[in-house]
Amino acid sequence: MVQDTLPAAGYTMAVGAPASPLRRYVLDYRGYRMVLDRPRRRLEVPTDVVTLALAFEGTMRLSDAVAPTAGVRLGSIAAGLRRTATIAEHAGVLYGLSVSLTPQGAFRAFGPVAGELGGQWAEAGDVLGPRLRTLAGRLADAPDWRARFALLDGYFTALFAYGPAWEPSITWAWHQLRRSHGLVPIRTLVEGTGWSRRRLELRFRDHLGLAPKQAAGILRLQRTLRLLTTPDGHPAGADLAALCGYYDQSHLDRAFRGMVGCSPREFLASRCSAAALPEPTDRVVGRVTSAVLNAG
């Protein structure tokens, strides 16, 4: 079902809700077509979401925001959980769609490959196989976004019907991390699963691609970002740091910069400068995901 379409000069977006049985694993579908006269750079912060972006036209250049490198240029992208932010740059025409999956959904759809994607971006067809390439072609040929989202519903329904499930202990541990916004002590997870700390870390890496401590850091960061971007005010300084699991404001600032590549103040300034852009800042409902770095 298409929930919304936002046309603007050089930009169109369609947001699709997956079929009800899929919503445990699939957060949303987003179709987009952008025509830009100069490069756009977006800062994509760490989230608890696995992203699959299928390109019909155009490419993106991806690089790490914290430890800049030459980066990679990709068309269709599979992006696992990352503990550091990504800078995504594109220009000209960018036409395609993205699927936002929970970590459980990515594992059920793609098996152990989902864990191998942790911390990485990859060309989607290379890691997820020829069936995905076939799907991308069918999506490009579909007459409209409604038809494309229906094709995605069928694709993921088939994958989830026979795909592997998370181990119960991983499901429990992940629930504890999410429920506590990343504040539950790792020793509690060790005791609750009955595993050693080493086995817990290995099983997390197999299922999510990150260690429990890294996953907890992402959840703490997301809570911090939600509070910072709340329009009706939020705790500040030491109160915000304590609420989100940091020792003090200095600890929060260091952790934020170490994951996002800038200070909280700089991140918020980038979001404010992008307020007049036609496209929404965040790409997943309920998560703070992005800031535009050259919105002016």
Protein backbone atom coordinates (compact mmCIF):
# COMPACT_ATOMS: atom_id res chain seq x y z
CA MET A 1 0.00 0.00 0.00
CA VAL A 2 1.34 3.44 -0.92
CA GLN A 3 1.02 5.67 2.09
CA ASP A 4 2.24 8.95 0.67
CA THR A 5 3.79 10.54 -2.38
CA LEU A 6 5.73 13.81 -2.19
CA PRO A 7 6.34 15.50 -5.55
CA ALA A 8 8.65 18.51 -5.70
CA ALA A 9 11.00 20.13 -8.15
CA GLY A 10 13.46 17.44 -9.09
CA TYR A 11 12.24 15.05 -6.40
CA THR A 12 9.55 12.40 -5.99
CA MET A 13 9.14 9.96 -3.12
CA ALA A 14 6.62 7.20 -2.46
CA VAL A 15 6.39 5.49 0.92
CA GLY A 16 4.93 2.00 1.08
CA ALA A 17 3.73 0.00 4.06
CA PRO A 18 4.57 -3.71 3.78
CA ALA A 19 1.78 -6.26 4.04
CA SER A 20 0.69 -6.85 7.64
CA PRO A 21 2.37 -10.28 8.07
CA LEU A 22 5.72 -8.76 7.06
CA ARG A 23 5.78 -5.82 9.48
CA ARG A 24 7.63 -7.72 12.17
CA TYR A 25 10.60 -7.78 9.83
CA VAL A 26 10.12 -5.01 7.23
CA LEU A 27 9.82 -1.42 8.45
CA ASP A 28 8.95 0.28 5.16
CA TYR A 29 9.53 0.64 1.45
CA ARG A 30 10.60 3.95 -0.08
CA GLY A 31 10.65 4.75 -3.76
CA TYR A 32 12.51 7.82 -4.96
CA ARG A 33 13.56 9.71 -8.04
CA MET A 34 15.90 12.71 -7.68
CA VAL A 35 17.35 14.95 -10.34
CA LEU A 36 20.09 17.11 -8.80
CA ASP A 37 22.11 19.84 -10.49
CA ARG A 38 24.97 19.49 -8.00
CA PRO A 39 26.21 16.75 -5.67
CA ARG A 40 24.26 16.10 -2.48
CA ARG A 41 26.09 14.74 0.57
CA ARG A 42 24.11 13.06 3.32
CA LEU A 43 25.40 11.91 6.68
CA GLU A 44 23.79 8.57 7.59
CA VAL A 45 24.17 7.83 11.30
CA PRO A 46 24.32 4.35 12.86
CA THR A 47 20.89 2.76 13.35
CA ASP A 48 19.48 -0.67 14.19
CA VAL A 49 18.26 -1.05 10.60
CA VAL A 50 19.62 -3.11 7.69
CA THR A 51 19.12 -1.26 4.40
CA LEU A 52 18.65 -2.68 0.93
CA ALA A 53 18.71 -0.01 -1.82
CA LEU A 54 17.91 -1.15 -5.35
CA ALA A 55 18.95 1.31 -8.06
CA PHE A 56 17.21 1.64 -11.40
CA GLU A 57 19.45 4.52 -12.43
CA GLY A 58 22.41 6.26 -10.83
CA THR A 59 25.03 5.38 -8.24
CA MET A 60 26.15 6.57 -4.81
CA ARG A 61 29.62 7.06 -3.41
CA LEU A 62 29.88 5.83 0.18
CA SER A 63 32.64 6.61 2.66
CA ASP A 64 33.14 6.41 6.41
CA ALA A 65 32.38 9.69 8.19
CA VAL A 66 34.71 8.99 11.12
CA ALA A 67 37.74 7.54 9.32
CA PRO A 68 37.48 8.98 5.80
CA THR A 69 38.81 6.82 2.99
CA ALA A 70 38.55 6.85 -0.78
CA GLY A 71 35.14 5.22 -0.44
CA VAL A 72 33.28 3.00 -2.88
CA ARG A 73 30.80 3.73 -5.65
CA LEU A 74 27.83 1.38 -5.77
CA GLY A 75 24.53 1.03 -7.59
CA SER A 76 22.29 -1.31 -5.60
CA ILE A 77 23.46 -1.45 -2.00
CA ALA A 78 23.19 -3.87 0.90
CA ALA A 79 24.21 -2.13 4.13
CA GLY A 80 24.45 -3.96 7.44
CA LEU A 81 24.57 -2.48 10.92
CA ARG A 82 27.49 -0.07 11.27
CA ARG A 83 28.86 1.54 14.43
CA THR A 84 30.16 4.58 12.54
CA ALA A 85 28.31 6.96 10.25
CA THR A 86 28.38 6.90 6.46
CA ILE A 87 28.67 9.80 4.04
CA ALA A 88 26.56 9.10 0.95
CA GLU A 89 27.16 11.34 -2.06
CA HIS A 90 25.23 11.39 -5.32
CA ALA A 91 24.50 13.74 -8.20
CA GLY A 92 22.41 13.83 -11.35
CA VAL A 93 19.65 11.23 -11.47
CA LEU A 94 19.14 8.79 -8.62
CA TYR A 95 16.16 6.51 -9.19
CA GLY A 96 15.26 3.41 -7.22
CA LEU A 97 13.85 2.20 -3.95
CA SER A 98 15.00 1.17 -0.50
CA VAL A 99 13.82 -1.44 1.95
CA SER A 100 14.41 -1.02 5.68
CA LEU A 101 14.69 -4.32 7.52
CA THR A 102 15.02 -5.18 11.17
CA PRO A 103 18.15 -7.23 11.94
CA GLN A 104 15.88 -10.26 12.50
CA GLY A 105 14.26 -9.66 9.12
CA ALA A 106 17.58 -9.42 7.32
CA PHE A 107 18.73 -12.71 8.86
CA ARG A 108 15.46 -14.45 8.01
CA ALA A 109 15.59 -13.17 4.44
CA PHE A 110 19.28 -13.66 3.69
CA GLY A 111 20.62 -16.02 6.36
CA PRO A 112 24.22 -15.76 7.61
CA VAL A 113 25.02 -13.23 4.89
CA ALA A 114 23.13 -10.69 7.03
CA GLY A 115 25.69 -11.14 9.80
CA GLU A 116 28.56 -10.89 7.32
CA LEU A 117 27.26 -7.46 6.26
CA GLY A 118 27.93 -6.01 9.72
CA GLY A 119 29.98 -2.84 9.39
CA GLN A 120 29.94 -3.00 5.58
CA TRP A 121 28.34 -1.76 2.41
CA ALA A 122 28.26 -4.08 -0.58
CA GLU A 123 26.86 -4.30 -4.09
CA ALA A 124 23.55 -5.99 -3.32
CA GLY A 125 23.53 -8.39 -6.25
CA ASP A 126 27.03 -9.61 -5.45
CA VAL A 127 26.21 -10.66 -1.87
CA LEU A 128 22.52 -11.56 -2.13
CA GLY A 129 22.63 -13.46 -5.40
CA PRO A 130 20.99 -13.68 -8.81
CA ARG A 131 17.46 -13.82 -7.41
CA LEU A 132 17.88 -10.27 -6.17
CA ARG A 133 19.19 -9.12 -9.54
CA THR A 134 16.09 -10.63 -11.15
CA LEU A 135 13.88 -8.83 -8.64
CA ALA A 136 15.60 -5.51 -9.34
CA GLY A 137 14.89 -5.90 -13.05
CA ARG A 138 11.23 -6.69 -12.43
CA LEU A 139 10.90 -3.71 -10.11
CA ALA A 140 12.42 -1.36 -12.70
CA ASP A 141 9.95 -2.63 -15.33
CA ALA A 142 6.86 -2.34 -13.07
CA PRO A 143 4.38 0.37 -14.08
CA ASP A 144 4.21 2.28 -10.78
CA TRP A 145 5.22 2.30 -7.11
CA ARG A 146 2.14 0.41 -5.99
CA ALA A 147 3.05 -2.48 -8.28
CA ARG A 148 6.66 -2.37 -7.10
CA PHE A 149 5.70 -2.55 -3.45
CA ALA A 150 3.39 -5.50 -4.21
CA LEU A 151 6.34 -7.28 -5.87
CA LEU A 152 8.43 -6.66 -2.74
CA ASP A 153 5.66 -8.08 -0.56
CA GLY A 154 5.70 -11.28 -2.62
CA TYR A 155 9.49 -11.49 -2.59
CA PHE A 156 9.82 -11.16 1.18
CA THR A 157 6.80 -13.37 1.90
CA ALA A 158 8.56 -16.19 0.03
CA LEU A 159 11.89 -15.57 1.76
CA PHE A 160 10.43 -15.38 5.26
CA ALA A 161 8.39 -18.56 4.78
CA TYR A 162 11.51 -20.73 4.74
CA GLY A 163 14.26 -18.48 6.04
CA PRO A 164 16.25 -19.19 9.22
CA ALA A 165 15.12 -17.71 12.52
CA TRP A 166 17.32 -16.18 15.18
CA GLU A 167 18.32 -18.39 18.07
CA PRO A 168 15.95 -17.81 21.03
CA SER A 169 18.82 -16.58 23.22
CA ILE A 170 19.79 -13.95 20.65
CA THR A 171 16.16 -12.85 20.34
CA TRP A 172 15.96 -12.47 24.13
CA ALA A 173 19.26 -10.60 24.39
CA TRP A 174 18.37 -8.22 21.56
CA HIS A 175 15.01 -7.52 23.20
CA GLN A 176 16.80 -6.64 26.45
CA LEU A 177 19.12 -4.27 24.62
CA ARG A 178 16.29 -2.54 22.75
CA ARG A 179 14.05 -2.35 25.81
CA SER A 180 16.80 -0.66 27.81
CA HIS A 181 18.01 1.57 24.93
CA GLY A 182 21.37 -0.20 25.12
CA LEU A 183 21.81 0.24 28.88
CA VAL A 184 21.45 -3.36 30.05
CA PRO A 185 24.85 -4.60 31.32
CA ILE A 186 26.56 -7.17 29.12
CA ARG A 187 26.98 -9.39 32.18
CA THR A 188 23.16 -9.54 32.41
CA LEU A 189 23.02 -10.86 28.87
CA VAL A 190 25.74 -13.40 29.68
CA GLU A 191 23.84 -14.63 32.72
CA GLY A 192 20.49 -14.66 30.91
CA THR A 193 21.72 -16.68 27.95
CA GLY A 194 23.93 -19.01 29.99
CA TRP A 195 26.72 -18.42 27.50
CA SER A 196 30.24 -17.23 28.11
CA ARG A 197 30.98 -13.62 27.19
CA ARG A 198 33.02 -14.89 24.23
CA ARG A 199 30.22 -17.12 22.92
CA LEU A 200 27.70 -14.29 23.32
CA GLU A 201 29.92 -12.03 21.22
CA LEU A 202 30.43 -14.66 18.53
CA ARG A 203 26.71 -15.45 18.25
CA PHE A 204 25.86 -11.74 18.07
CA ARG A 205 28.37 -11.26 15.27
CA ASP A 206 26.87 -14.23 13.42
CA HIS A 207 23.33 -12.83 13.69
CA LEU A 208 23.78 -9.04 13.65
CA GLY A 209 27.33 -8.51 12.43
CA LEU A 210 28.32 -6.61 15.58
CA ALA A 211 29.30 -7.44 19.15
CA PRO A 212 26.74 -6.78 21.91
CA LYS A 213 28.67 -3.74 23.18
CA GLN A 214 28.70 -2.20 19.70
CA ALA A 215 24.99 -2.88 19.22
CA ALA A 216 24.30 -1.30 22.62
CA GLY A 217 26.26 1.78 21.55
CA ILE A 218 24.04 2.19 18.48
CA LEU A 219 20.88 1.99 20.60
CA ARG A 220 22.24 4.55 23.08
CA LEU A 221 23.13 6.85 20.20
CA GLN A 222 19.66 6.54 18.71
CA ARG A 223 18.05 7.47 22.02
CA THR A 224 20.37 10.46 22.29
CA LEU A 225 19.44 11.57 18.77
CA ARG A 226 15.71 11.17 19.39
CA LEU A 227 15.93 13.34 22.51
CA LEU A 228 18.15 15.93 20.83
CA THR A 229 15.74 16.30 17.93
CA THR A 230 12.54 16.39 20.00
CA PRO A 231 10.82 19.66 19.03
CA ASP A 232 9.21 20.29 22.44
CA GLY A 233 12.46 20.38 24.38
CA HIS A 234 14.66 17.72 25.93
CA PRO A 235 17.08 17.21 28.81
CA ALA A 236 20.40 18.92 28.27
CA GLY A 237 23.98 18.63 29.42
CA ALA A 238 24.62 16.23 32.28
CA ASP A 239 20.92 15.26 32.50
CA LEU A 240 20.86 14.13 28.88
CA ALA A 241 24.16 12.28 29.28
CA ALA A 242 22.95 10.40 32.37
CA LEU A 243 19.61 9.50 30.79
CA CYS A 244 21.36 8.02 27.75
CA GLY A 245 23.99 6.05 29.66
CA TYR A 246 27.03 8.34 29.49
CA TYR A 247 29.16 9.36 32.48
CA ASP A 248 28.89 13.09 31.74
CA GLN A 249 28.51 15.60 28.92
CA SER A 250 32.14 15.18 27.89
CA HIS A 251 31.69 11.41 27.59
CA LEU A 252 28.55 11.89 25.48
CA ASP A 253 30.34 14.33 23.16
CA ARG A 254 33.32 12.00 22.69
CA ALA A 255 31.13 8.98 22.03
CA PHE A 256 28.96 10.96 19.61
CA ARG A 257 31.93 12.26 17.65
CA GLY A 258 33.48 8.79 17.62
CA MET A 259 30.37 7.33 15.98
CA VAL A 260 29.00 10.22 13.90
CA GLY A 261 32.15 12.15 13.03
CA CYS A 262 30.93 15.51 14.36
CA SER A 263 29.59 17.04 17.56
CA PRO A 264 25.89 16.94 18.50
CA ARG A 265 25.71 20.70 17.88
CA GLU A 266 27.16 20.33 14.38
CA PHE A 267 24.78 17.48 13.58
CA LEU A 268 21.74 19.50 14.65
CA ALA A 269 22.94 22.51 12.67
CA SER A 270 23.12 20.38 9.52
CA ARG A 271 19.57 19.14 10.08
CA CYS A 272 18.29 22.68 10.58
CA SER A 273 19.93 23.89 7.38
CA ALA A 274 18.16 21.11 5.45
CA ALA A 275 14.67 22.03 6.68
CA ALA A 276 13.73 23.70 3.39
CA LEU A 277 14.74 20.78 1.18
CA PRO A 278 11.92 18.91 -0.62
CA GLU A 279 12.93 15.46 0.63
CA PRO A 280 12.47 14.30 4.22
CA THR A 281 15.62 14.29 6.33
CA ASP A 282 15.14 10.83 7.87
CA ARG A 283 14.68 7.71 5.79
CA VAL A 284 13.04 5.45 8.40
CA VAL A 285 9.99 6.38 10.44
CA GLY A 286 10.76 6.43 14.16
CA ARG A 287 14.55 6.69 13.74
CA VAL A 288 16.87 9.65 13.42
CA THR A 289 18.95 8.57 10.44
CA SER A 290 20.38 11.49 8.53
CA ALA A 291 21.62 15.03 8.09
CA VAL A 292 22.30 16.81 4.82
CA LEU A 293 25.81 18.23 4.78
CA ASN A 294 25.47 20.68 1.90
CA ALA A 295 21.86 21.79 2.04
CA GLY A 296 22.58 25.48 1.45
